[in-house]
Amino acid sequence: MAATSIPVVIHVGRANACCRQQAMIFLTASRIINREYRETMTLRIAIGRCDCQVPYRNALEECVCKVIHERLANWRTRLPADVAAIPTQLFEEQIVEGCRVTFGTYKLGVSGSGMLVVCQALIRTWSRPTYLSIGAVGRMYAEGLLVTNNGSVEPASDDLMWQFR
């Protein structure tokens, strides 16, 4: 699967530079080729930051981010010894504060750095979405850990996390 991302920065607000807010939009076009050599194009637009930052906007966001942080804390206690137990991809649906939330767990190798472990959540909503794609619209949150080649476990940088946010 090949993906191309085009970051676009949009400044919103008054002419005064200190009052501007930045919104980062990533347009990602993924080309997936199946066995019959048919091509499918997908589009994903991420608007703003899709990480867990305090202060939270509402109780739902706080609960979702709490679940993400609890899952990462659980993995952190087991890493690096139990890295093989982390699924390559796993999706679970949960009801949080009355909303359906899809939680994803990912593990992928990072060339030269080690292994990236990501916990992600998607809340399907049309209210101030940060994530738009053909398959879903809603608010996306993702945090991760990097298990380095020397065995240390550290928070994943934004550069590593961009494709999950």
N, C-alpha and C. Protein backbone atom coordinates (compact mmCIF):
# COMPACT_ATOMS: atom_id res chain seq x y z
N MET A 1 0.84 -1.16 0.00
CA MET A 1 0.00 0.00 0.00
C MET A 1 0.90 1.23 0.00
N ALA A 2 0.73 2.08 -0.98
CA ALA A 2 1.50 3.32 -1.04
C ALA A 2 0.60 4.48 -0.67
N ALA A 3 1.11 5.39 0.13
CA ALA A 3 0.31 6.54 0.55
C ALA A 3 1.11 7.81 0.33
N THR A 4 0.41 8.86 -0.04
CA THR A 4 1.02 10.15 -0.22
C THR A 4 0.26 11.14 0.63
N SER A 5 0.96 11.95 1.42
CA SER A 5 0.31 12.95 2.26
C SER A 5 0.78 14.33 1.86
N ILE A 6 -0.16 15.25 1.85
CA ILE A 6 0.13 16.62 1.51
C ILE A 6 -0.30 17.49 2.68
N PRO A 7 0.64 17.96 3.53
CA PRO A 7 0.22 18.81 4.64
C PRO A 7 -0.12 20.21 4.15
N VAL A 8 -1.22 20.74 4.65
CA VAL A 8 -1.66 22.08 4.30
C VAL A 8 -1.94 22.82 5.60
N VAL A 9 -1.35 24.01 5.78
CA VAL A 9 -1.60 24.79 6.98
C VAL A 9 -2.55 25.92 6.63
N ILE A 10 -3.64 26.03 7.40
CA ILE A 10 -4.62 27.08 7.19
C ILE A 10 -4.63 27.94 8.44
N HIS A 11 -4.49 29.25 8.27
CA HIS A 11 -4.56 30.17 9.39
C HIS A 11 -5.97 30.73 9.48
N VAL A 12 -6.55 30.63 10.67
CA VAL A 12 -7.91 31.10 10.89
C VAL A 12 -7.87 32.15 11.99
N GLY A 13 -8.53 33.26 11.80
CA GLY A 13 -8.58 34.26 12.86
C GLY A 13 -8.33 35.66 12.34
N ARG A 14 -8.07 36.56 13.27
CA ARG A 14 -7.84 37.95 12.92
C ARG A 14 -6.47 38.14 12.29
N ALA A 15 -6.23 39.34 11.80
CA ALA A 15 -4.94 39.64 11.18
C ALA A 15 -3.80 39.62 12.19
N ASN A 16 -4.11 39.83 13.44
CA ASN A 16 -3.11 39.82 14.49
C ASN A 16 -2.54 38.41 14.62
N ALA A 17 -1.24 38.24 14.44
CA ALA A 17 -0.61 36.93 14.42
C ALA A 17 -0.80 36.17 15.72
N CYS A 18 -0.85 36.86 16.85
CA CYS A 18 -0.98 36.14 18.12
C CYS A 18 -2.38 35.57 18.31
N CYS A 19 -3.34 36.02 17.54
CA CYS A 19 -4.71 35.53 17.68
C CYS A 19 -5.04 34.41 16.70
N ARG A 20 -4.12 34.09 15.82
CA ARG A 20 -4.38 33.06 14.82
C ARG A 20 -4.39 31.68 15.43
N GLN A 21 -5.23 30.83 14.90
CA GLN A 21 -5.24 29.43 15.26
C GLN A 21 -4.80 28.66 14.02
N GLN A 22 -4.03 27.64 14.22
CA GLN A 22 -3.61 26.84 13.08
C GLN A 22 -4.40 25.55 13.04
N ALA A 23 -4.82 25.18 11.88
CA ALA A 23 -5.45 23.88 11.67
C ALA A 23 -4.59 23.13 10.66
N MET A 24 -4.19 21.95 11.00
CA MET A 24 -3.38 21.15 10.09
C MET A 24 -4.30 20.16 9.39
N ILE A 25 -4.25 20.14 8.10
CA ILE A 25 -5.07 19.23 7.32
C ILE A 25 -4.13 18.31 6.56
N PHE A 26 -4.34 17.02 6.67
CA PHE A 26 -3.57 16.06 5.91
C PHE A 26 -4.49 15.38 4.93
N LEU A 27 -4.17 15.48 3.67
CA LEU A 27 -4.91 14.77 2.65
C LEU A 27 -4.09 13.53 2.32
N THR A 28 -4.64 12.37 2.51
CA THR A 28 -3.91 11.14 2.25
C THR A 28 -4.65 10.35 1.20
N ALA A 29 -3.98 10.07 0.13
CA ALA A 29 -4.55 9.22 -0.91
C ALA A 29 -3.82 7.89 -0.86
N SER A 30 -4.54 6.83 -0.60
CA SER A 30 -3.94 5.50 -0.52
C SER A 30 -4.36 4.71 -1.74
N ARG A 31 -3.41 4.06 -2.36
CA ARG A 31 -3.69 3.23 -3.52
C ARG A 31 -3.53 1.78 -3.10
N ILE A 32 -4.61 1.03 -3.17
CA ILE A 32 -4.59 -0.37 -2.76
C ILE A 32 -4.85 -1.22 -4.00
N ILE A 33 -3.97 -2.15 -4.26
CA ILE A 33 -4.12 -3.01 -5.42
C ILE A 33 -4.47 -4.41 -4.94
N ASN A 34 -5.60 -4.95 -5.39
CA ASN A 34 -5.98 -6.29 -4.95
C ASN A 34 -5.48 -7.35 -5.94
N ARG A 35 -5.88 -8.60 -5.72
CA ARG A 35 -5.36 -9.71 -6.51
C ARG A 35 -5.70 -9.62 -8.00
N GLU A 36 -6.85 -9.01 -8.30
CA GLU A 36 -7.26 -8.91 -9.70
C GLU A 36 -6.68 -7.65 -10.36
N TYR A 37 -5.75 -6.98 -9.70
CA TYR A 37 -5.09 -5.77 -10.21
C TYR A 37 -6.04 -4.61 -10.41
N ARG A 38 -7.17 -4.63 -9.67
CA ARG A 38 -8.05 -3.47 -9.68
C ARG A 38 -7.52 -2.47 -8.67
N GLU A 39 -7.70 -1.22 -8.92
CA GLU A 39 -7.20 -0.19 -8.02
C GLU A 39 -8.35 0.50 -7.32
N THR A 40 -8.17 0.80 -6.05
CA THR A 40 -9.15 1.52 -5.26
C THR A 40 -8.47 2.73 -4.65
N MET A 41 -9.10 3.86 -4.72
CA MET A 41 -8.54 5.06 -4.12
C MET A 41 -9.35 5.40 -2.88
N THR A 42 -8.67 5.73 -1.79
CA THR A 42 -9.33 6.18 -0.58
C THR A 42 -8.81 7.56 -0.24
N LEU A 43 -9.62 8.31 0.47
CA LEU A 43 -9.24 9.67 0.84
C LEU A 43 -9.50 9.87 2.33
N ARG A 44 -8.54 10.47 3.00
CA ARG A 44 -8.67 10.76 4.43
C ARG A 44 -8.25 12.21 4.65
N ILE A 45 -9.06 12.95 5.38
CA ILE A 45 -8.72 14.33 5.73
C ILE A 45 -8.73 14.42 7.25
N ALA A 46 -7.58 14.79 7.83
CA ALA A 46 -7.49 14.99 9.27
C ALA A 46 -7.37 16.49 9.52
N ILE A 47 -8.25 17.02 10.34
CA ILE A 47 -8.30 18.46 10.60
C ILE A 47 -7.93 18.69 12.06
N GLY A 48 -6.88 19.45 12.28
CA GLY A 48 -6.48 19.75 13.65
C GLY A 48 -5.69 18.62 14.27
N ARG A 49 -5.42 18.76 15.55
CA ARG A 49 -4.67 17.75 16.27
C ARG A 49 -5.60 16.62 16.69
N CYS A 50 -5.13 15.43 16.54
CA CYS A 50 -5.94 14.25 16.90
C CYS A 50 -5.26 13.48 18.02
N ASP A 51 -4.72 14.22 18.98
CA ASP A 51 -4.11 13.57 20.13
C ASP A 51 -4.87 13.96 21.39
N CYS A 52 -4.55 13.33 22.48
CA CYS A 52 -5.23 13.59 23.75
C CYS A 52 -4.50 14.71 24.49
N GLN A 53 -5.10 15.88 24.50
CA GLN A 53 -4.50 17.03 25.16
C GLN A 53 -5.46 17.59 26.20
N VAL A 54 -4.92 17.89 27.38
CA VAL A 54 -5.69 18.53 28.44
C VAL A 54 -5.62 20.03 28.19
N PRO A 55 -6.67 20.79 28.34
CA PRO A 55 -7.99 20.42 28.85
C PRO A 55 -8.83 19.75 27.76
N TYR A 56 -9.64 18.81 28.17
CA TYR A 56 -10.50 18.10 27.24
C TYR A 56 -11.73 18.95 26.93
N ARG A 57 -12.30 18.76 25.75
CA ARG A 57 -13.46 19.55 25.32
C ARG A 57 -14.72 19.16 26.08
N ASN A 58 -14.83 17.86 26.41
CA ASN A 58 -16.05 17.39 27.08
C ASN A 58 -15.76 16.07 27.79
N ALA A 59 -16.77 15.54 28.48
CA ALA A 59 -16.60 14.31 29.25
C ALA A 59 -16.32 13.11 28.35
N LEU A 60 -16.91 13.08 27.16
CA LEU A 60 -16.68 11.98 26.23
C LEU A 60 -15.21 11.93 25.83
N GLU A 61 -14.67 13.06 25.43
CA GLU A 61 -13.25 13.11 25.03
C GLU A 61 -12.35 12.69 26.19
N GLU A 62 -12.67 13.13 27.39
CA GLU A 62 -11.89 12.77 28.56
C GLU A 62 -11.92 11.26 28.80
N CYS A 63 -13.11 10.65 28.70
CA CYS A 63 -13.24 9.20 28.90
C CYS A 63 -12.49 8.41 27.83
N VAL A 64 -12.62 8.84 26.58
CA VAL A 64 -11.94 8.15 25.48
C VAL A 64 -10.43 8.23 25.66
N CYS A 65 -9.93 9.41 25.98
CA CYS A 65 -8.48 9.57 26.17
C CYS A 65 -8.00 8.79 27.39
N LYS A 66 -8.84 8.69 28.41
CA LYS A 66 -8.48 7.89 29.58
C LYS A 66 -8.31 6.42 29.20
N VAL A 67 -9.21 5.91 28.36
CA VAL A 67 -9.10 4.52 27.89
C VAL A 67 -7.81 4.34 27.10
N ILE A 68 -7.50 5.28 26.21
CA ILE A 68 -6.27 5.20 25.42
C ILE A 68 -5.05 5.16 26.34
N HIS A 69 -5.01 6.08 27.32
CA HIS A 69 -3.86 6.14 28.23
C HIS A 69 -3.77 4.89 29.11
N GLU A 70 -4.90 4.33 29.53
CA GLU A 70 -4.88 3.09 30.31
C GLU A 70 -4.34 1.93 29.48
N ARG A 71 -4.74 1.84 28.22
CA ARG A 71 -4.24 0.77 27.36
C ARG A 71 -2.73 0.91 27.15
N LEU A 72 -2.28 2.13 26.91
CA LEU A 72 -0.84 2.35 26.73
C LEU A 72 -0.07 2.04 28.02
N ALA A 73 -0.62 2.43 29.16
CA ALA A 73 0.04 2.14 30.44
C ALA A 73 0.14 0.63 30.65
N ASN A 74 -0.91 -0.10 30.28
CA ASN A 74 -0.89 -1.55 30.39
C ASN A 74 0.20 -2.14 29.50
N TRP A 75 0.29 -1.67 28.24
CA TRP A 75 1.34 -2.17 27.35
C TRP A 75 2.73 -1.80 27.85
N ARG A 76 2.86 -0.58 28.38
CA ARG A 76 4.17 -0.11 28.86
C ARG A 76 4.72 -1.04 29.94
N THR A 77 3.85 -1.53 30.83
CA THR A 77 4.32 -2.42 31.90
C THR A 77 4.79 -3.77 31.35
N ARG A 78 4.32 -4.14 30.18
CA ARG A 78 4.65 -5.44 29.59
C ARG A 78 5.76 -5.37 28.54
N LEU A 79 6.12 -4.16 28.14
CA LEU A 79 7.12 -4.00 27.08
C LEU A 79 8.51 -3.80 27.68
N PRO A 80 9.56 -4.13 26.99
CA PRO A 80 9.64 -4.73 25.65
C PRO A 80 9.50 -6.24 25.64
N ALA A 81 9.46 -6.88 26.82
CA ALA A 81 9.46 -8.35 26.89
C ALA A 81 8.30 -8.99 26.15
N ASP A 82 7.13 -8.37 26.16
CA ASP A 82 5.92 -8.98 25.62
C ASP A 82 5.47 -8.35 24.30
N VAL A 83 6.40 -7.80 23.54
CA VAL A 83 6.04 -7.11 22.30
C VAL A 83 5.36 -8.05 21.30
N ALA A 84 5.69 -9.32 21.34
CA ALA A 84 5.07 -10.28 20.42
C ALA A 84 3.58 -10.46 20.69
N ALA A 85 3.12 -10.17 21.91
CA ALA A 85 1.71 -10.34 22.26
C ALA A 85 0.82 -9.24 21.69
N ILE A 86 1.41 -8.14 21.27
CA ILE A 86 0.62 -7.03 20.73
C ILE A 86 0.15 -7.40 19.33
N PRO A 87 -1.15 -7.29 19.07
CA PRO A 87 -1.64 -7.63 17.73
C PRO A 87 -1.16 -6.63 16.69
N THR A 88 -0.98 -7.10 15.47
CA THR A 88 -0.60 -6.21 14.38
C THR A 88 -1.70 -5.19 14.14
N GLN A 89 -2.95 -5.65 14.18
CA GLN A 89 -4.13 -4.78 14.09
C GLN A 89 -5.26 -5.43 14.86
N LEU A 90 -5.93 -4.63 15.68
CA LEU A 90 -7.08 -5.12 16.42
C LEU A 90 -8.07 -3.97 16.57
N PHE A 91 -9.35 -4.24 16.28
CA PHE A 91 -10.39 -3.22 16.41
C PHE A 91 -11.47 -3.71 17.36
N GLU A 92 -11.92 -2.82 18.24
CA GLU A 92 -12.96 -3.15 19.20
C GLU A 92 -13.96 -1.99 19.26
N GLU A 93 -15.22 -2.33 19.36
CA GLU A 93 -16.27 -1.33 19.53
C GLU A 93 -16.66 -1.28 20.99
N GLN A 94 -16.80 -0.08 21.55
CA GLN A 94 -17.27 0.10 22.92
C GLN A 94 -18.24 1.26 22.96
N ILE A 95 -19.12 1.24 23.93
CA ILE A 95 -20.01 2.36 24.19
C ILE A 95 -19.37 3.17 25.32
N VAL A 96 -19.07 4.42 25.04
CA VAL A 96 -18.45 5.33 26.02
C VAL A 96 -19.34 6.56 26.12
N GLU A 97 -19.83 6.85 27.33
CA GLU A 97 -20.70 8.01 27.53
C GLU A 97 -21.86 8.02 26.54
N GLY A 98 -22.38 6.84 26.22
CA GLY A 98 -23.53 6.72 25.32
C GLY A 98 -23.20 6.79 23.84
N CYS A 99 -21.93 6.89 23.48
CA CYS A 99 -21.52 6.97 22.06
C CYS A 99 -20.74 5.72 21.67
N ARG A 100 -20.93 5.31 20.43
CA ARG A 100 -20.18 4.18 19.90
C ARG A 100 -18.78 4.65 19.51
N VAL A 101 -17.77 4.00 20.08
CA VAL A 101 -16.38 4.37 19.83
C VAL A 101 -15.64 3.13 19.32
N THR A 102 -14.88 3.30 18.25
CA THR A 102 -14.04 2.23 17.73
C THR A 102 -12.62 2.46 18.22
N PHE A 103 -12.09 1.48 18.95
CA PHE A 103 -10.70 1.53 19.42
C PHE A 103 -9.86 0.62 18.54
N GLY A 104 -8.72 1.12 18.13
CA GLY A 104 -7.80 0.33 17.32
C GLY A 104 -6.46 0.21 18.02
N THR A 105 -5.84 -0.95 17.88
CA THR A 105 -4.48 -1.17 18.37
C THR A 105 -3.66 -1.58 17.16
N TYR A 106 -2.50 -0.98 17.01
CA TYR A 106 -1.61 -1.27 15.89
C TYR A 106 -0.20 -1.51 16.40
N LYS A 107 0.50 -2.38 15.70
CA LYS A 107 1.92 -2.59 15.94
C LYS A 107 2.60 -2.63 14.59
N LEU A 108 3.61 -1.78 14.42
CA LEU A 108 4.34 -1.84 13.17
C LEU A 108 5.79 -1.47 13.40
N GLY A 109 6.64 -2.07 12.58
CA GLY A 109 8.07 -1.80 12.67
C GLY A 109 8.40 -0.44 12.09
N VAL A 110 9.34 0.23 12.75
CA VAL A 110 9.81 1.53 12.28
C VAL A 110 11.28 1.33 11.91
N SER A 111 11.59 1.54 10.63
CA SER A 111 12.94 1.26 10.17
C SER A 111 13.98 2.03 10.97
N GLY A 112 14.91 1.28 11.51
CA GLY A 112 16.01 1.87 12.26
C GLY A 112 15.68 2.31 13.67
N SER A 113 14.39 2.34 14.04
CA SER A 113 14.03 2.84 15.37
C SER A 113 13.52 1.75 16.30
N GLY A 114 12.76 0.80 15.79
CA GLY A 114 12.20 -0.23 16.65
C GLY A 114 10.78 -0.57 16.25
N MET A 115 9.90 -0.64 17.25
CA MET A 115 8.51 -1.04 17.05
C MET A 115 7.58 0.05 17.58
N LEU A 116 6.58 0.43 16.78
CA LEU A 116 5.61 1.43 17.18
C LEU A 116 4.33 0.73 17.61
N VAL A 117 3.84 1.08 18.80
CA VAL A 117 2.58 0.55 19.33
C VAL A 117 1.63 1.73 19.46
N VAL A 118 0.45 1.63 18.82
CA VAL A 118 -0.49 2.74 18.76
C VAL A 118 -1.85 2.32 19.30
N CYS A 119 -2.44 3.18 20.12
CA CYS A 119 -3.84 3.04 20.54
C CYS A 119 -4.59 4.22 19.93
N GLN A 120 -5.66 3.92 19.24
CA GLN A 120 -6.40 4.92 18.48
C GLN A 120 -7.89 4.79 18.81
N ALA A 121 -8.60 5.89 18.75
CA ALA A 121 -10.06 5.86 18.97
C ALA A 121 -10.74 6.76 17.95
N LEU A 122 -11.87 6.31 17.44
CA LEU A 122 -12.68 7.10 16.52
C LEU A 122 -14.08 7.19 17.10
N ILE A 123 -14.53 8.43 17.32
CA ILE A 123 -15.90 8.70 17.75
C ILE A 123 -16.64 9.19 16.51
N ARG A 124 -17.62 8.45 16.07
CA ARG A 124 -18.37 8.86 14.89
C ARG A 124 -19.32 10.00 15.25
N THR A 125 -19.07 11.16 14.63
CA THR A 125 -19.91 12.33 14.88
C THR A 125 -19.70 13.34 13.76
N TRP A 126 -20.73 14.14 13.52
CA TRP A 126 -20.61 15.26 12.58
C TRP A 126 -20.36 16.56 13.32
N SER A 127 -20.32 16.52 14.63
CA SER A 127 -20.09 17.71 15.44
C SER A 127 -18.59 17.96 15.57
N ARG A 128 -18.10 18.99 14.92
CA ARG A 128 -16.69 19.38 14.93
C ARG A 128 -15.75 18.20 14.67
N PRO A 129 -15.91 17.51 13.53
CA PRO A 129 -15.06 16.36 13.25
C PRO A 129 -13.60 16.76 13.01
N THR A 130 -12.69 15.86 13.37
CA THR A 130 -11.27 16.05 13.05
C THR A 130 -10.82 15.03 12.02
N TYR A 131 -11.73 14.15 11.63
CA TYR A 131 -11.38 13.07 10.72
C TYR A 131 -12.51 12.88 9.72
N LEU A 132 -12.18 12.95 8.44
CA LEU A 132 -13.15 12.73 7.37
C LEU A 132 -12.57 11.71 6.40
N SER A 133 -13.33 10.67 6.12
CA SER A 133 -12.90 9.71 5.10
C SER A 133 -14.15 9.15 4.45
N ILE A 134 -13.95 8.34 3.46
CA ILE A 134 -15.08 7.73 2.78
C ILE A 134 -15.82 6.80 3.73
N GLY A 135 -15.10 6.14 4.65
CA GLY A 135 -15.69 5.18 5.56
C GLY A 135 -16.24 5.73 6.85
N ALA A 136 -15.77 6.91 7.28
CA ALA A 136 -16.20 7.42 8.59
C ALA A 136 -15.95 8.92 8.70
N VAL A 137 -16.76 9.54 9.53
CA VAL A 137 -16.59 10.95 9.88
C VAL A 137 -16.68 11.04 11.39
N GLY A 138 -15.76 11.75 12.00
CA GLY A 138 -15.82 11.87 13.44
C GLY A 138 -14.59 12.51 14.04
N ARG A 139 -14.39 12.25 15.32
CA ARG A 139 -13.23 12.76 16.05
C ARG A 139 -12.26 11.60 16.26
N MET A 140 -11.01 11.82 15.86
CA MET A 140 -9.98 10.79 15.96
C MET A 140 -9.01 11.18 17.07
N TYR A 141 -8.59 10.20 17.85
CA TYR A 141 -7.58 10.39 18.88
C TYR A 141 -6.59 9.23 18.78
N ALA A 142 -5.32 9.50 18.92
CA ALA A 142 -4.32 8.43 18.88
C ALA A 142 -3.09 8.84 19.68
N GLU A 143 -2.57 7.88 20.41
CA GLU A 143 -1.33 8.03 21.16
C GLU A 143 -0.53 6.75 20.97
N GLY A 144 0.79 6.84 21.15
CA GLY A 144 1.59 5.65 20.91
C GLY A 144 2.85 5.58 21.72
N LEU A 145 3.47 4.41 21.67
CA LEU A 145 4.74 4.15 22.32
C LEU A 145 5.72 3.63 21.29
N LEU A 146 6.98 3.97 21.46
CA LEU A 146 8.04 3.46 20.61
C LEU A 146 8.90 2.54 21.46
N VAL A 147 8.99 1.29 21.04
CA VAL A 147 9.89 0.33 21.68
C VAL A 147 11.15 0.35 20.84
N THR A 148 12.20 0.97 21.36
CA THR A 148 13.43 1.14 20.58
C THR A 148 14.20 -0.17 20.46
N ASN A 149 15.13 -0.18 19.54
CA ASN A 149 15.94 -1.38 19.32
C ASN A 149 16.76 -1.77 20.54
N ASN A 150 17.09 -0.80 21.40
CA ASN A 150 17.87 -1.12 22.61
C ASN A 150 16.96 -1.52 23.79
N GLY A 151 15.64 -1.59 23.57
CA GLY A 151 14.73 -2.09 24.59
C GLY A 151 14.05 -1.03 25.43
N SER A 152 14.33 0.24 25.21
CA SER A 152 13.64 1.26 25.99
C SER A 152 12.26 1.54 25.40
N VAL A 153 11.37 2.02 26.24
CA VAL A 153 10.00 2.34 25.83
C VAL A 153 9.78 3.82 26.09
N GLU A 154 9.38 4.56 25.04
CA GLU A 154 9.19 6.00 25.16
C GLU A 154 7.96 6.43 24.38
N PRO A 155 7.40 7.60 24.71
CA PRO A 155 6.25 8.09 23.94
C PRO A 155 6.64 8.29 22.47
N ALA A 156 5.74 7.96 21.58
CA ALA A 156 6.00 8.11 20.14
C ALA A 156 5.92 9.58 19.76
N SER A 157 6.81 10.01 18.90
CA SER A 157 6.84 11.40 18.44
C SER A 157 5.70 11.66 17.45
N ASP A 158 5.38 12.93 17.25
CA ASP A 158 4.36 13.30 16.26
C ASP A 158 4.72 12.81 14.87
N ASP A 159 6.02 12.81 14.54
CA ASP A 159 6.43 12.36 13.23
C ASP A 159 6.05 10.90 12.99
N LEU A 160 6.12 10.08 14.02
CA LEU A 160 5.74 8.67 13.88
C LEU A 160 4.24 8.47 13.92
N MET A 161 3.54 9.38 14.59
CA MET A 161 2.10 9.21 14.81
C MET A 161 1.21 9.79 13.72
N TRP A 162 1.76 10.57 12.78
CA TRP A 162 0.93 11.32 11.85
C TRP A 162 -0.06 10.44 11.08
N GLN A 163 0.33 9.24 10.72
CA GLN A 163 -0.57 8.42 9.91
C GLN A 163 -1.73 7.82 10.69
N PHE A 164 -1.69 7.95 12.03
CA PHE A 164 -2.78 7.43 12.87
C PHE A 164 -3.67 8.53 13.41
N ARG A 165 -3.30 9.78 13.16
CA ARG A 165 -4.06 10.90 13.72
C ARG A 165 -4.81 11.63 12.63
